[in-house]
Amino acid sequence: MLARQGDQTGARDAFERAASAGAQHADALALLSKDMVEVLGRAGTAERMLTRAFDLNPFAPPWYFLSATRVAYFAENFAQAADLALLAPALRLPRLIRVLALAQLHRDPRLDGHTCRGP
């Protein structure tokens, strides 16, 4: 909310407090990581949060891969984003991110395979 209202400093502080409070909670880290990169543009921090989330929960549920897909894309790691999208739940967002990532890589998603999952 703070970021949407233009208070980037307040948003950064709120995210940092939340990340600190949830530093030992895999789900919290996975959820916060996507906002850390998308809202605050802190890709390195988001990647470290995700790494920690996967370390804490090596049997991560599929939705962790949705966060990982988003973090990779906004960190401009397009090859990783395209690959991670295949591990995320079969929803529109990971499919969209996959197509966008493949476009950034100058690869035609129609020729890349694995793009026709789900409805």
C-alpha atoms as a PDB file:
ATOM      1  CA  MET A   1       0.000   0.000   0.000  1.00  0.00           C
ATOM      2  CA  LEU A   2       2.777   2.416   0.864  1.00  0.00           C
ATOM      3  CA  ALA A   3       4.511   1.877  -2.462  1.00  0.00           C
ATOM      4  CA  ARG A   4       1.259   2.361  -4.364  1.00  0.00           C
ATOM      5  CA  GLN A   5       0.780   5.650  -2.510  1.00  0.00           C
ATOM      6  CA  GLY A   6       4.245   6.747  -3.605  1.00  0.00           C
ATOM      7  CA  ASP A   7       5.963   6.224  -0.235  1.00  0.00           C
ATOM      8  CA  GLN A   8       8.944   4.188  -1.432  1.00  0.00           C
ATOM      9  CA  THR A   9      10.875   4.811   1.784  1.00  0.00           C
ATOM     10  CA  GLY A  10       7.983   3.611   3.916  1.00  0.00           C
ATOM     11  CA  ALA A  11       7.452   0.604   1.641  1.00  0.00           C
ATOM     12  CA  ARG A  12      11.134  -0.312   1.788  1.00  0.00           C
ATOM     13  CA  ASP A  13      11.128  -0.073   5.577  1.00  0.00           C
ATOM     14  CA  ALA A  14       7.947  -2.178   5.841  1.00  0.00           C
ATOM     15  CA  PHE A  15       9.362  -4.856   3.523  1.00  0.00           C
ATOM     16  CA  GLU A  16      12.638  -4.936   5.437  1.00  0.00           C
ATOM     17  CA  ARG A  17      10.819  -5.297   8.779  1.00  0.00           C
ATOM     18  CA  ALA A  18       8.636  -8.062   7.351  1.00  0.00           C
ATOM     19  CA  ALA A  19      11.649  -9.859   5.865  1.00  0.00           C
ATOM     20  CA  SER A  20      13.489  -9.594   9.158  1.00  0.00           C
ATOM     21  CA  ALA A  21      10.493 -10.885  11.136  1.00  0.00           C
ATOM     22  CA  GLY A  22      10.058 -13.759   8.684  1.00  0.00           C
ATOM     23  CA  ALA A  23      13.746 -14.557   8.208  1.00  0.00           C
ATOM     24  CA  GLN A  24      13.229 -18.090   9.529  1.00  0.00           C
ATOM     25  CA  HIS A  25       9.862 -18.665   7.840  1.00  0.00           C
ATOM     26  CA  ALA A  26      10.126 -20.101   4.338  1.00  0.00           C
ATOM     27  CA  ASP A  27       6.614 -19.152   3.226  1.00  0.00           C
ATOM     28  CA  ALA A  28       7.040 -15.540   4.321  1.00  0.00           C
ATOM     29  CA  LEU A  29      10.342 -15.256   2.469  1.00  0.00           C
ATOM     30  CA  ALA A  30       8.911 -16.787  -0.706  1.00  0.00           C
ATOM     31  CA  LEU A  31       5.952 -14.417  -0.633  1.00  0.00           C
ATOM     32  CA  LEU A  32       7.971 -11.305   0.157  1.00  0.00           C
ATOM     33  CA  SER A  33      10.674 -11.989  -2.424  1.00  0.00           C
ATOM     34  CA  LYS A  34       8.465 -11.214  -5.399  1.00  0.00           C
ATOM     35  CA  ASP A  35       7.436  -7.854  -3.959  1.00  0.00           C
ATOM     36  CA  MET A  36      11.019  -7.051  -3.001  1.00  0.00           C
ATOM     37  CA  VAL A  37      12.028  -7.187  -6.671  1.00  0.00           C
ATOM     38  CA  GLU A  38       8.790  -5.973  -8.300  1.00  0.00           C
ATOM     39  CA  VAL A  39       8.007  -3.074  -5.979  1.00  0.00           C
ATOM     40  CA  LEU A  40      11.421  -2.089  -4.670  1.00  0.00           C
ATOM     41  CA  GLY A  41      13.634  -3.269  -7.523  1.00  0.00           C
ATOM     42  CA  ARG A  42      15.965  -5.117  -5.150  1.00  0.00           C
ATOM     43  CA  ALA A  43      16.720  -8.201  -7.204  1.00  0.00           C
ATOM     44  CA  GLY A  44      19.728  -9.352  -5.209  1.00  0.00           C
ATOM     45  CA  THR A  45      17.807  -9.216  -1.935  1.00  0.00           C
ATOM     46  CA  ALA A  46      14.861 -11.034  -3.498  1.00  0.00           C
ATOM     47  CA  GLU A  47      17.118 -13.776  -4.851  1.00  0.00           C
ATOM     48  CA  ARG A  48      18.735 -14.254  -1.426  1.00  0.00           C
ATOM     49  CA  MET A  49      15.300 -14.427   0.205  1.00  0.00           C
ATOM     50  CA  LEU A  50      14.191 -17.116  -2.233  1.00  0.00           C
ATOM     51  CA  THR A  51      17.365 -19.106  -1.760  1.00  0.00           C
ATOM     52  CA  ARG A  52      16.764 -18.993   1.991  1.00  0.00           C
ATOM     53  CA  ALA A  53      13.109 -20.022   1.511  1.00  0.00           C
ATOM     54  CA  PHE A  54      14.127 -23.071  -0.516  1.00  0.00           C
ATOM     55  CA  ASP A  55      16.848 -23.901   2.030  1.00  0.00           C
ATOM     56  CA  LEU A  56      14.327 -23.761   4.857  1.00  0.00           C
ATOM     57  CA  ASN A  57      11.761 -25.786   2.918  1.00  0.00           C
ATOM     58  CA  PRO A  58      13.472 -28.192   0.510  1.00  0.00           C
ATOM     59  CA  PHE A  59      10.057 -29.719  -0.233  1.00  0.00           C
ATOM     60  CA  ALA A  60       8.675 -26.381  -1.374  1.00  0.00           C
ATOM     61  CA  PRO A  61       5.169 -26.373  -2.789  1.00  0.00           C
ATOM     62  CA  PRO A  62       4.656 -25.360  -6.430  1.00  0.00           C
ATOM     63  CA  TRP A  63       3.617 -21.815  -5.569  1.00  0.00           C
ATOM     64  CA  TYR A  64       7.210 -21.094  -4.460  1.00  0.00           C
ATOM     65  CA  PHE A  65       8.133 -21.522  -8.113  1.00  0.00           C
ATOM     66  CA  LEU A  66       5.642 -18.817  -9.061  1.00  0.00           C
ATOM     67  CA  SER A  67       7.523 -16.408  -6.788  1.00  0.00           C
ATOM     68  CA  ALA A  68      10.824 -17.704  -8.170  1.00  0.00           C
ATOM     69  CA  THR A  69       9.598 -17.143 -11.740  1.00  0.00           C
ATOM     70  CA  ARG A  70       8.648 -13.566 -10.946  1.00  0.00           C
ATOM     71  CA  VAL A  71      11.921 -12.840  -9.170  1.00  0.00           C
ATOM     72  CA  ALA A  72      13.983 -14.287 -12.014  1.00  0.00           C
ATOM     73  CA  TYR A  73      12.046 -12.313 -14.627  1.00  0.00           C
ATOM     74  CA  PHE A  74      12.295  -8.973 -12.825  1.00  0.00           C
ATOM     75  CA  ALA A  75      15.968  -9.669 -12.086  1.00  0.00           C
ATOM     76  CA  GLU A  76      16.285  -9.980 -15.884  1.00  0.00           C
ATOM     77  CA  ASN A  77      17.394 -13.586 -15.695  1.00  0.00           C
ATOM     78  CA  PHE A  78      15.097 -14.523 -18.560  1.00  0.00           C
ATOM     79  CA  ALA A  79      16.377 -18.047 -19.214  1.00  0.00           C
ATOM     80  CA  GLN A  80      15.866 -18.967 -15.575  1.00  0.00           C
ATOM     81  CA  ALA A  81      12.418 -17.339 -15.543  1.00  0.00           C
ATOM     82  CA  ALA A  82      11.371 -19.357 -18.604  1.00  0.00           C
ATOM     83  CA  ASP A  83      12.552 -22.581 -16.966  1.00  0.00           C
ATOM     84  CA  LEU A  84      11.021 -21.832 -13.561  1.00  0.00           C
ATOM     85  CA  ALA A  85       7.664 -21.019 -15.137  1.00  0.00           C
ATOM     86  CA  LEU A  86       7.417 -24.675 -16.107  1.00  0.00           C
ATOM     87  CA  LEU A  87       7.649 -25.652 -12.426  1.00  0.00           C
ATOM     88  CA  ALA A  88       5.074 -23.100 -11.251  1.00  0.00           C
ATOM     89  CA  PRO A  89       1.376 -23.899 -10.997  1.00  0.00           C
ATOM     90  CA  ALA A  90      -0.389 -24.000 -14.373  1.00  0.00           C
ATOM     91  CA  LEU A  91      -1.789 -20.496 -14.137  1.00  0.00           C
ATOM     92  CA  ARG A  92      -1.899 -17.639 -16.615  1.00  0.00           C
ATOM     93  CA  LEU A  93       0.767 -15.539 -14.890  1.00  0.00           C
ATOM     94  CA  PRO A  94       3.666 -18.010 -15.127  1.00  0.00           C
ATOM     95  CA  ARG A  95       2.693 -18.775 -18.722  1.00  0.00           C
ATOM     96  CA  LEU A  96       2.698 -15.066 -19.521  1.00  0.00           C
ATOM     97  CA  ILE A  97       6.041 -14.548 -17.826  1.00  0.00           C
ATOM     98  CA  ARG A  98       7.437 -17.526 -19.745  1.00  0.00           C
ATOM     99  CA  VAL A  99       6.334 -16.064 -23.078  1.00  0.00           C
ATOM    100  CA  LEU A 100       7.744 -12.642 -22.149  1.00  0.00           C
ATOM    101  CA  ALA A 101      11.023 -14.200 -21.009  1.00  0.00           C
ATOM    102  CA  LEU A 102      11.339 -16.205 -24.223  1.00  0.00           C
ATOM    103  CA  ALA A 103      10.675 -13.039 -26.215  1.00  0.00           C
ATOM    104  CA  GLN A 104      13.500 -11.308 -24.320  1.00  0.00           C
ATOM    105  CA  LEU A 105      15.709 -14.230 -25.344  1.00  0.00           C
ATOM    106  CA  HIS A 106      14.535 -13.887 -28.973  1.00  0.00           C
ATOM    107  CA  ARG A 107      13.038 -17.376 -28.854  1.00  0.00           C
ATOM    108  CA  ASP A 108       9.655 -18.098 -30.369  1.00  0.00           C
ATOM    109  CA  PRO A 109       7.448 -19.609 -27.651  1.00  0.00           C
ATOM    110  CA  ARG A 110       5.480 -21.480 -30.323  1.00  0.00           C
ATOM    111  CA  LEU A 111       8.637 -23.391 -31.205  1.00  0.00           C
ATOM    112  CA  ASP A 112       9.978 -23.762 -27.687  1.00  0.00           C
ATOM    113  CA  GLY A 113       7.677 -26.510 -26.441  1.00  0.00           C
ATOM    114  CA  HIS A 114       6.099 -26.788 -23.012  1.00  0.00           C
ATOM    115  CA  THR A 115       3.951 -23.716 -23.605  1.00  0.00           C
ATOM    116  CA  CYS A 116       0.580 -25.429 -23.954  1.00  0.00           C
ATOM    117  CA  ARG A 117      -0.302 -26.396 -20.402  1.00  0.00           C
ATOM    118  CA  GLY A 118      -3.693 -26.098 -18.844  1.00  0.00           C
ATOM    119  CA  PRO A 119      -6.633 -24.015 -20.018  1.00  0.00           C
END
